[in-house]
N, C-alpha and C. Protein backbone atom coordinates (compact mmCIF):
# COMPACT_ATOMS: atom_id res chain seq x y z
N MET A 1 0.81 -1.16 0.00
CA MET A 1 0.00 0.00 0.00
C MET A 1 0.87 1.24 0.00
N LEU A 2 0.42 2.21 -0.73
CA LEU A 2 1.15 3.46 -0.84
C LEU A 2 0.90 4.33 0.36
N ASN A 3 1.98 4.96 0.84
CA ASN A 3 1.87 5.86 1.97
C ASN A 3 1.90 7.29 1.44
N ILE A 4 0.76 7.89 1.32
CA ILE A 4 0.64 9.25 0.79
C ILE A 4 0.23 10.19 1.93
N LYS A 5 1.06 11.25 2.13
CA LYS A 5 0.74 12.23 3.17
C LYS A 5 -0.16 13.30 2.57
N PRO A 6 -1.06 13.80 3.36
CA PRO A 6 -1.94 14.85 2.85
C PRO A 6 -1.14 16.13 2.55
N ILE A 7 -1.57 16.85 1.56
CA ILE A 7 -0.93 18.10 1.13
C ILE A 7 -1.07 19.18 2.20
N ALA A 8 -2.09 19.18 2.97
CA ALA A 8 -2.33 20.20 3.99
C ALA A 8 -1.21 20.20 5.03
N CYS A 9 -0.60 19.09 5.31
CA CYS A 9 0.49 19.05 6.29
C CYS A 9 1.71 19.81 5.79
N LYS A 10 2.01 19.74 4.52
CA LYS A 10 3.16 20.44 3.98
C LYS A 10 2.94 21.95 3.95
N LEU A 11 1.73 22.40 3.72
CA LEU A 11 1.47 23.83 3.68
C LEU A 11 1.52 24.46 5.06
N GLY A 12 1.29 23.72 6.11
CA GLY A 12 1.30 24.24 7.47
C GLY A 12 2.70 24.32 8.06
N SER A 13 3.70 23.85 7.38
CA SER A 13 5.06 23.86 7.87
C SER A 13 5.63 25.28 7.89
N THR A 14 6.47 25.59 8.89
CA THR A 14 7.07 26.94 9.02
C THR A 14 8.59 26.87 8.90
N ASP A 15 9.09 25.98 8.09
CA ASP A 15 10.52 25.81 7.97
C ASP A 15 11.24 27.07 7.45
N GLY A 16 10.68 27.80 6.51
CA GLY A 16 11.36 28.95 5.92
C GLY A 16 10.79 30.30 6.36
N ALA A 17 9.92 30.33 7.34
CA ALA A 17 9.27 31.57 7.76
C ALA A 17 10.27 32.57 8.33
N GLU A 18 11.27 32.09 9.09
CA GLU A 18 12.25 33.00 9.68
C GLU A 18 13.09 33.68 8.61
N ILE A 19 13.43 32.96 7.58
CA ILE A 19 14.23 33.52 6.49
C ILE A 19 13.43 34.58 5.75
N ALA A 20 12.16 34.31 5.51
CA ALA A 20 11.32 35.28 4.81
C ALA A 20 11.11 36.53 5.65
N GLU A 21 10.92 36.37 6.96
CA GLU A 21 10.76 37.53 7.83
C GLU A 21 12.04 38.37 7.89
N ALA A 22 13.17 37.70 7.96
CA ALA A 22 14.45 38.41 7.97
C ALA A 22 14.69 39.16 6.66
N ALA A 23 14.29 38.56 5.56
CA ALA A 23 14.45 39.20 4.26
C ALA A 23 13.59 40.45 4.14
N LEU A 24 12.47 40.51 4.85
CA LEU A 24 11.62 41.70 4.85
C LEU A 24 12.09 42.75 5.85
N VAL A 25 12.56 42.33 7.00
CA VAL A 25 12.88 43.27 8.08
C VAL A 25 14.28 43.84 7.98
N LEU A 26 15.28 43.06 7.59
CA LEU A 26 16.66 43.54 7.58
C LEU A 26 16.89 44.74 6.66
N PRO A 27 16.32 44.81 5.47
CA PRO A 27 16.51 46.03 4.68
C PRO A 27 15.93 47.28 5.35
N LEU A 28 14.82 47.13 6.05
CA LEU A 28 14.23 48.27 6.76
C LEU A 28 15.12 48.71 7.92
N VAL A 29 15.65 47.76 8.64
CA VAL A 29 16.57 48.09 9.75
C VAL A 29 17.84 48.73 9.21
N PHE A 30 18.34 48.23 8.11
CA PHE A 30 19.53 48.80 7.48
C PHE A 30 19.28 50.25 7.04
N MET A 31 18.13 50.52 6.45
CA MET A 31 17.78 51.89 6.03
C MET A 31 17.63 52.80 7.25
N LEU A 32 17.06 52.29 8.33
CA LEU A 32 16.94 53.08 9.55
C LEU A 32 18.32 53.44 10.10
N LEU A 33 19.23 52.49 10.13
CA LEU A 33 20.58 52.76 10.60
C LEU A 33 21.30 53.77 9.70
N LEU A 34 21.15 53.63 8.39
CA LEU A 34 21.76 54.60 7.46
C LEU A 34 21.18 56.00 7.69
N GLY A 35 19.87 56.07 7.91
CA GLY A 35 19.24 57.37 8.18
C GLY A 35 19.78 58.00 9.45
N ILE A 36 19.96 57.20 10.49
CA ILE A 36 20.52 57.72 11.74
C ILE A 36 21.93 58.24 11.52
N ILE A 37 22.72 57.51 10.76
CA ILE A 37 24.11 57.94 10.51
C ILE A 37 24.13 59.23 9.72
N TRP A 38 23.34 59.34 8.64
CA TRP A 38 23.40 60.53 7.79
C TRP A 38 22.78 61.76 8.46
N PHE A 39 21.72 61.59 9.22
CA PHE A 39 21.15 62.73 9.95
C PHE A 39 22.07 63.14 11.08
N GLY A 40 22.77 62.18 11.68
CA GLY A 40 23.77 62.51 12.70
C GLY A 40 24.91 63.30 12.10
N ARG A 41 25.33 62.93 10.91
CA ARG A 41 26.42 63.66 10.23
C ARG A 41 25.96 65.08 9.88
N ALA A 42 24.72 65.22 9.41
CA ALA A 42 24.20 66.55 9.10
C ALA A 42 24.16 67.42 10.35
N PHE A 43 23.75 66.86 11.47
CA PHE A 43 23.72 67.62 12.72
C PHE A 43 25.13 67.99 13.16
N ASN A 44 26.08 67.08 12.98
CA ASN A 44 27.47 67.35 13.33
C ASN A 44 28.02 68.50 12.50
N ILE A 45 27.74 68.50 11.21
CA ILE A 45 28.23 69.57 10.34
C ILE A 45 27.57 70.88 10.72
N TYR A 46 26.26 70.86 10.99
CA TYR A 46 25.56 72.09 11.40
C TYR A 46 26.17 72.66 12.69
N SER A 47 26.42 71.80 13.65
CA SER A 47 27.02 72.23 14.91
C SER A 47 28.42 72.82 14.68
N THR A 48 29.18 72.19 13.81
CA THR A 48 30.53 72.67 13.52
C THR A 48 30.52 74.03 12.83
N ILE A 49 29.64 74.22 11.85
CA ILE A 49 29.65 75.51 11.15
C ILE A 49 29.11 76.62 12.06
N GLN A 50 28.21 76.28 12.97
CA GLN A 50 27.73 77.28 13.93
C GLN A 50 28.88 77.69 14.86
N GLN A 51 29.67 76.71 15.31
CA GLN A 51 30.82 77.01 16.16
C GLN A 51 31.86 77.83 15.39
N ALA A 52 32.06 77.52 14.13
CA ALA A 52 33.00 78.28 13.30
C ALA A 52 32.54 79.72 13.13
N ALA A 53 31.25 79.91 12.90
CA ALA A 53 30.72 81.27 12.76
C ALA A 53 30.86 82.03 14.08
N GLN A 54 30.64 81.37 15.19
CA GLN A 54 30.78 82.03 16.49
C GLN A 54 32.23 82.43 16.74
N GLN A 55 33.18 81.56 16.41
CA GLN A 55 34.59 81.90 16.58
C GLN A 55 34.98 83.07 15.67
N GLY A 56 34.43 83.08 14.47
CA GLY A 56 34.69 84.18 13.55
C GLY A 56 34.11 85.50 14.07
N ALA A 57 32.91 85.43 14.65
CA ALA A 57 32.29 86.65 15.19
C ALA A 57 33.07 87.17 16.40
N ILE A 58 33.56 86.28 17.23
CA ILE A 58 34.37 86.69 18.37
C ILE A 58 35.65 87.35 17.89
N THR A 59 36.27 86.78 16.87
CA THR A 59 37.49 87.36 16.31
C THR A 59 37.21 88.71 15.68
N ALA A 60 36.08 88.83 14.98
CA ALA A 60 35.73 90.09 14.32
C ALA A 60 35.38 91.17 15.34
N ALA A 61 34.83 90.79 16.49
CA ALA A 61 34.45 91.78 17.50
C ALA A 61 35.64 92.23 18.35
N ARG A 62 36.70 91.46 18.35
CA ARG A 62 37.85 91.78 19.15
C ARG A 62 38.63 92.92 18.50
N ASP A 63 39.04 93.89 19.30
CA ASP A 63 39.83 95.01 18.81
C ASP A 63 41.23 94.49 18.46
N PRO A 64 41.64 94.57 17.21
CA PRO A 64 42.93 93.99 16.82
C PRO A 64 44.13 94.73 17.40
N CYS A 65 43.91 95.95 17.84
CA CYS A 65 45.01 96.73 18.37
C CYS A 65 44.49 97.54 19.55
N ALA A 66 44.48 96.93 20.72
CA ALA A 66 43.90 97.59 21.89
C ALA A 66 44.75 98.75 22.39
N THR A 67 46.06 98.74 22.08
CA THR A 67 46.92 99.80 22.58
C THR A 67 47.11 100.93 21.55
N CYS A 68 46.54 100.77 20.36
CA CYS A 68 46.67 101.80 19.33
C CYS A 68 45.78 102.99 19.68
N THR A 69 46.13 104.16 19.14
CA THR A 69 45.29 105.32 19.35
C THR A 69 44.10 105.23 18.42
N GLY A 70 42.99 105.71 18.86
CA GLY A 70 41.78 105.69 18.03
C GLY A 70 40.85 104.57 18.45
N GLY A 71 41.38 103.39 18.81
CA GLY A 71 40.56 102.28 19.27
C GLY A 71 39.52 101.83 18.24
N ASN A 72 38.85 100.76 18.51
CA ASN A 72 37.78 100.19 17.66
C ASN A 72 38.20 100.07 16.21
N ALA A 73 39.41 99.67 15.95
CA ALA A 73 39.85 99.45 14.58
C ALA A 73 39.12 98.25 14.01
N VAL A 74 38.90 98.26 12.74
CA VAL A 74 38.20 97.16 12.07
C VAL A 74 39.19 96.01 11.90
N PRO A 75 38.82 94.80 12.33
CA PRO A 75 39.74 93.66 12.19
C PRO A 75 39.92 93.27 10.74
N ASP A 76 41.05 92.67 10.47
CA ASP A 76 41.37 92.21 9.13
C ASP A 76 40.46 91.02 8.79
N PRO A 77 39.74 91.08 7.64
CA PRO A 77 38.89 89.94 7.27
C PRO A 77 39.65 88.62 7.13
N ALA A 78 40.94 88.69 6.79
CA ALA A 78 41.74 87.47 6.68
C ALA A 78 41.90 86.80 8.04
N THR A 79 41.96 87.57 9.11
CA THR A 79 42.06 87.00 10.46
C THR A 79 40.77 86.29 10.82
N VAL A 80 39.64 86.90 10.50
CA VAL A 80 38.35 86.27 10.75
C VAL A 80 38.20 85.00 9.91
N ASP A 81 38.60 85.10 8.66
CA ASP A 81 38.56 83.95 7.75
C ASP A 81 39.40 82.81 8.32
N GLY A 82 40.57 83.12 8.84
CA GLY A 82 41.43 82.11 9.42
C GLY A 82 40.81 81.43 10.63
N ALA A 83 40.09 82.20 11.46
CA ALA A 83 39.44 81.62 12.64
C ALA A 83 38.33 80.64 12.22
N VAL A 84 37.55 81.02 11.20
CA VAL A 84 36.47 80.16 10.73
C VAL A 84 37.04 78.90 10.07
N VAL A 85 38.03 79.08 9.23
CA VAL A 85 38.63 77.94 8.51
C VAL A 85 39.29 76.97 9.48
N ALA A 86 39.90 77.47 10.54
CA ALA A 86 40.56 76.60 11.53
C ALA A 86 39.55 75.65 12.18
N VAL A 87 38.39 76.15 12.52
CA VAL A 87 37.37 75.30 13.14
C VAL A 87 36.85 74.27 12.12
N LEU A 88 36.63 74.69 10.88
CA LEU A 88 36.13 73.77 9.87
C LEU A 88 37.16 72.69 9.56
N GLN A 89 38.43 73.06 9.48
CA GLN A 89 39.46 72.08 9.19
C GLN A 89 39.68 71.11 10.35
N ALA A 90 39.43 71.56 11.59
CA ALA A 90 39.56 70.67 12.73
C ALA A 90 38.54 69.54 12.67
N SER A 91 37.42 69.78 12.01
CA SER A 91 36.39 68.73 11.84
C SER A 91 36.45 68.09 10.47
N SER A 92 37.51 68.33 9.75
CA SER A 92 37.74 67.76 8.41
C SER A 92 36.66 68.14 7.41
N LEU A 93 36.14 69.36 7.51
CA LEU A 93 35.19 69.86 6.51
C LEU A 93 35.95 70.60 5.43
N GLN A 94 35.50 70.48 4.21
CA GLN A 94 36.16 71.11 3.08
C GLN A 94 35.78 72.58 3.01
N THR A 95 36.78 73.43 3.15
CA THR A 95 36.52 74.89 3.16
C THR A 95 36.16 75.39 1.77
N GLY A 96 36.47 74.64 0.75
CA GLY A 96 36.13 75.05 -0.61
C GLY A 96 34.63 74.97 -0.90
N GLN A 97 33.88 74.32 -0.04
CA GLN A 97 32.44 74.18 -0.26
C GLN A 97 31.63 75.31 0.38
N ILE A 98 32.27 76.19 1.13
CA ILE A 98 31.56 77.29 1.77
C ILE A 98 30.91 78.16 0.69
N LYS A 99 29.65 78.48 0.90
CA LYS A 99 28.92 79.31 -0.06
C LYS A 99 28.63 80.65 0.58
N GLN A 100 28.65 81.67 -0.25
CA GLN A 100 28.38 83.03 0.21
C GLN A 100 26.91 83.17 0.59
N TRP A 101 26.65 83.88 1.64
CA TRP A 101 25.29 84.10 2.13
C TRP A 101 24.50 84.90 1.11
N GLU A 102 23.42 84.38 0.62
CA GLU A 102 22.48 85.04 -0.30
C GLU A 102 23.17 85.73 -1.47
N ALA A 103 23.99 85.06 -2.16
CA ALA A 103 24.69 85.47 -3.37
C ALA A 103 24.76 86.98 -3.63
N ASN A 104 25.85 87.56 -3.27
CA ASN A 104 26.18 88.96 -3.54
C ASN A 104 25.27 89.99 -2.88
N LYS A 105 24.57 89.62 -1.84
CA LYS A 105 23.74 90.57 -1.11
C LYS A 105 24.22 90.62 0.33
N PRO A 106 24.22 91.78 0.94
CA PRO A 106 24.63 91.83 2.34
C PRO A 106 23.61 91.12 3.22
N THR A 107 24.09 90.71 4.37
CA THR A 107 23.22 90.03 5.32
C THR A 107 22.10 90.98 5.72
N PRO A 108 20.86 90.52 5.75
CA PRO A 108 19.74 91.41 6.08
C PRO A 108 19.86 91.99 7.49
N GLY A 109 19.41 93.22 7.63
CA GLY A 109 19.32 93.84 8.94
C GLY A 109 20.61 94.42 9.47
N VAL A 110 21.58 94.73 8.63
CA VAL A 110 22.84 95.29 9.08
C VAL A 110 22.69 96.81 9.20
N LEU A 111 22.82 97.32 10.45
CA LEU A 111 22.75 98.75 10.72
C LEU A 111 24.05 99.19 11.37
N SER A 112 24.48 100.42 11.11
CA SER A 112 25.70 100.94 11.72
C SER A 112 25.51 101.24 13.19
N CYS A 113 26.58 101.14 13.94
CA CYS A 113 26.57 101.52 15.34
C CYS A 113 26.51 103.03 15.44
N PRO A 114 25.98 103.55 16.54
CA PRO A 114 25.98 105.01 16.70
C PRO A 114 27.40 105.55 16.91
N ALA A 115 27.60 106.84 16.61
CA ALA A 115 28.90 107.47 16.78
C ALA A 115 29.30 107.38 18.25
N PRO A 116 30.53 107.29 18.59
CA PRO A 116 31.76 107.51 17.83
C PRO A 116 32.29 106.26 17.16
N ALA A 117 31.56 105.15 17.18
CA ALA A 117 32.03 103.93 16.54
C ALA A 117 32.14 104.12 15.03
N PRO A 118 33.06 103.41 14.39
CA PRO A 118 33.15 103.52 12.93
C PRO A 118 31.88 102.98 12.27
N THR A 119 31.64 103.39 11.04
CA THR A 119 30.45 102.92 10.34
C THR A 119 30.58 101.43 10.02
N ALA A 120 29.44 100.81 9.86
CA ALA A 120 29.42 99.37 9.57
C ALA A 120 30.09 99.09 8.24
N SER A 121 30.87 98.04 8.23
CA SER A 121 31.52 97.62 6.99
C SER A 121 31.37 96.11 6.85
N CYS A 122 30.90 95.69 5.70
CA CYS A 122 30.74 94.26 5.40
C CYS A 122 31.67 93.90 4.27
N THR A 123 32.42 92.85 4.46
CA THR A 123 33.32 92.35 3.43
C THR A 123 33.13 90.85 3.29
N VAL A 124 33.53 90.35 2.14
CA VAL A 124 33.49 88.92 1.88
C VAL A 124 34.94 88.44 1.83
N THR A 125 35.22 87.40 2.60
CA THR A 125 36.59 86.88 2.64
C THR A 125 36.84 85.99 1.44
N THR A 126 38.05 85.46 1.37
CA THR A 126 38.42 84.58 0.26
C THR A 126 37.63 83.27 0.26
N HIS A 127 37.10 82.88 1.41
CA HIS A 127 36.30 81.65 1.49
C HIS A 127 34.79 81.94 1.47
N HIS A 128 34.38 83.09 0.97
CA HIS A 128 32.97 83.46 0.82
C HIS A 128 32.24 83.61 2.17
N ILE A 129 32.93 84.14 3.16
CA ILE A 129 32.34 84.35 4.47
C ILE A 129 32.04 85.84 4.62
N TRP A 130 30.79 86.17 4.97
CA TRP A 130 30.41 87.56 5.23
C TRP A 130 30.91 87.95 6.61
N VAL A 131 31.67 89.04 6.65
CA VAL A 131 32.15 89.58 7.92
C VAL A 131 31.70 91.03 7.99
N CYS A 132 30.83 91.34 8.94
CA CYS A 132 30.35 92.71 9.14
C CYS A 132 30.79 93.16 10.52
N SER A 133 31.50 94.28 10.59
CA SER A 133 31.90 94.81 11.88
C SER A 133 31.29 96.17 12.11
N SER A 134 31.24 96.56 13.36
CA SER A 134 30.60 97.81 13.81
C SER A 134 29.13 97.85 13.41
N VAL A 135 28.44 96.74 13.62
CA VAL A 135 27.01 96.68 13.30
C VAL A 135 26.21 96.74 14.61
N LEU A 136 25.00 97.17 14.49
CA LEU A 136 24.08 97.25 15.63
C LEU A 136 23.41 95.90 15.79
N LEU A 137 23.64 95.28 16.94
CA LEU A 137 23.06 93.96 17.21
C LEU A 137 21.71 94.13 17.86
N ASN A 138 20.73 93.47 17.35
CA ASN A 138 19.38 93.54 17.92
C ASN A 138 19.13 92.30 18.76
N SER A 139 18.75 92.53 19.99
CA SER A 139 18.46 91.43 20.87
C SER A 139 17.11 91.67 21.54
N ALA A 140 16.29 90.66 21.62
CA ALA A 140 14.97 90.81 22.21
C ALA A 140 15.06 90.95 23.73
N THR A 141 16.12 90.43 24.34
CA THR A 141 16.22 90.45 25.80
C THR A 141 17.14 91.53 26.33
N GLN A 142 18.00 92.11 25.49
CA GLN A 142 18.95 93.13 25.94
C GLN A 142 18.86 94.35 25.06
N PRO A 143 19.36 95.50 25.54
CA PRO A 143 19.37 96.67 24.67
C PRO A 143 20.33 96.47 23.51
N ALA A 144 20.10 97.20 22.44
CA ALA A 144 20.95 97.07 21.26
C ALA A 144 22.39 97.43 21.59
N GLN A 145 23.32 96.65 21.05
CA GLN A 145 24.74 96.87 21.29
C GLN A 145 25.50 96.84 19.98
N CYS A 146 26.71 97.35 20.00
CA CYS A 146 27.56 97.35 18.82
C CYS A 146 28.35 96.03 18.80
N GLY A 147 28.51 95.45 17.63
CA GLY A 147 29.22 94.18 17.56
C GLY A 147 29.60 93.80 16.15
N ALA A 148 29.85 92.51 15.97
CA ALA A 148 30.26 91.98 14.68
C ALA A 148 29.36 90.80 14.31
N LEU A 149 29.22 90.58 13.02
CA LEU A 149 28.34 89.56 12.49
C LEU A 149 29.11 88.75 11.45
N VAL A 150 29.04 87.44 11.54
CA VAL A 150 29.68 86.54 10.59
C VAL A 150 28.64 85.55 10.10
N SER A 151 28.57 85.35 8.78
CA SER A 151 27.60 84.41 8.24
C SER A 151 28.12 83.76 6.96
N PHE A 152 27.74 82.51 6.79
CA PHE A 152 28.08 81.75 5.57
C PHE A 152 27.17 80.54 5.49
N GLN A 153 27.25 79.83 4.37
CA GLN A 153 26.44 78.63 4.16
C GLN A 153 27.33 77.48 3.76
N TYR A 154 26.88 76.26 4.07
CA TYR A 154 27.66 75.06 3.77
C TYR A 154 26.70 73.99 3.25
N PRO A 155 27.01 73.38 2.12
CA PRO A 155 26.10 72.35 1.57
C PRO A 155 26.34 70.98 2.21
N PHE A 156 25.29 70.20 2.26
CA PHE A 156 25.38 68.82 2.73
C PHE A 156 24.52 67.95 1.83
N GLN A 157 25.06 66.79 1.44
CA GLN A 157 24.33 65.90 0.54
C GLN A 157 24.07 64.56 1.23
N PHE A 158 22.82 64.15 1.23
CA PHE A 158 22.43 62.87 1.82
C PHE A 158 22.70 61.74 0.82
N TYR A 159 23.07 60.58 1.36
CA TYR A 159 23.20 59.35 0.57
C TYR A 159 22.34 58.28 1.23
N LEU A 160 21.07 58.28 0.91
CA LEU A 160 20.14 57.29 1.42
C LEU A 160 19.47 56.59 0.26
N PRO A 161 20.05 55.50 -0.22
CA PRO A 161 19.48 54.83 -1.38
C PRO A 161 18.05 54.35 -1.14
N PHE A 162 17.28 54.33 -2.20
CA PHE A 162 15.90 53.86 -2.22
C PHE A 162 14.96 54.76 -1.41
N THR A 163 15.36 56.01 -1.18
CA THR A 163 14.49 56.98 -0.49
C THR A 163 14.42 58.26 -1.30
N SER A 164 13.50 59.11 -0.95
CA SER A 164 13.39 60.38 -1.66
C SER A 164 14.50 61.35 -1.27
N LEU A 165 15.26 61.05 -0.20
CA LEU A 165 16.37 61.90 0.23
C LEU A 165 17.70 61.55 -0.46
N ASN A 166 17.71 60.50 -1.26
CA ASN A 166 18.96 60.11 -1.89
C ASN A 166 19.46 61.22 -2.82
N MET A 167 20.71 61.60 -2.61
CA MET A 167 21.42 62.62 -3.40
C MET A 167 20.77 64.00 -3.27
N GLN A 168 19.95 64.24 -2.25
CA GLN A 168 19.38 65.55 -2.02
C GLN A 168 20.42 66.43 -1.34
N LYS A 169 20.57 67.64 -1.83
CA LYS A 169 21.52 68.59 -1.25
C LYS A 169 20.74 69.62 -0.46
N ILE A 170 21.13 69.82 0.79
CA ILE A 170 20.54 70.87 1.60
C ILE A 170 21.64 71.89 1.93
N ILE A 171 21.24 73.13 2.12
CA ILE A 171 22.18 74.18 2.44
C ILE A 171 22.02 74.52 3.90
N LEU A 172 23.08 74.31 4.68
CA LEU A 172 23.06 74.63 6.09
C LEU A 172 23.61 76.06 6.27
N SER A 173 22.89 76.89 6.98
CA SER A 173 23.29 78.29 7.17
C SER A 173 23.85 78.49 8.57
N ALA A 174 24.92 79.26 8.66
CA ALA A 174 25.52 79.60 9.94
C ALA A 174 25.61 81.10 10.04
N GLN A 175 25.16 81.63 11.17
CA GLN A 175 25.24 83.07 11.41
C GLN A 175 25.46 83.27 12.89
N ALA A 176 26.43 84.10 13.23
CA ALA A 176 26.71 84.37 14.64
C ALA A 176 27.07 85.85 14.78
N GLU A 177 26.76 86.35 15.95
CA GLU A 177 27.12 87.73 16.26
C GLU A 177 27.76 87.77 17.63
N SER A 178 28.64 88.75 17.80
CA SER A 178 29.33 88.91 19.08
C SER A 178 29.45 90.41 19.34
N ARG A 179 29.23 90.81 20.58
CA ARG A 179 29.30 92.24 20.90
C ARG A 179 30.74 92.66 21.08
N MET A 180 30.99 93.91 20.74
CA MET A 180 32.32 94.48 20.88
C MET A 180 32.51 94.99 22.30
N GLU A 181 33.66 94.71 22.86
CA GLU A 181 34.00 95.20 24.20
C GLU A 181 34.77 96.49 24.05
N ASN A 182 34.43 97.51 24.79
CA ASN A 182 35.15 98.77 24.74
C ASN A 182 36.07 98.90 25.93
């Protein structure tokens, strides 16, 4: 007599279910991990360029010659540029990718400090960084003060395959101001 097993027993078997579940879940987990890595890198770059802008603003607000007559001399834009570039290079960011803030337009809201301070002057450094000194800083919590403003932009490109963010370039903006000490 022939021993024939019913077909229903073979269909109820779960021998390959774990492999099929892993094949569905692992690509999703992998994409989640890639997303965490790339968004973490974007946040790291944003934090770095903000720190670079703050260091540039502090350098721009500092009187380059405290013992000179006349005081409140305008700092050399190359010195400010060097301070910003040093922070970017410490984090291995390419300084050649820095983009000028709003292409050939001064940073919005730049007003000159009241006399006897020198009039506001905005220059663009060799790395496309806006440096404005002797500007009136507006603060919601404190009275307006004289200071310096540094701003620039840095691009970041995501690499997240199979998503709408793949190869998307975003522009991260950095702007910092620092008050001048008299």
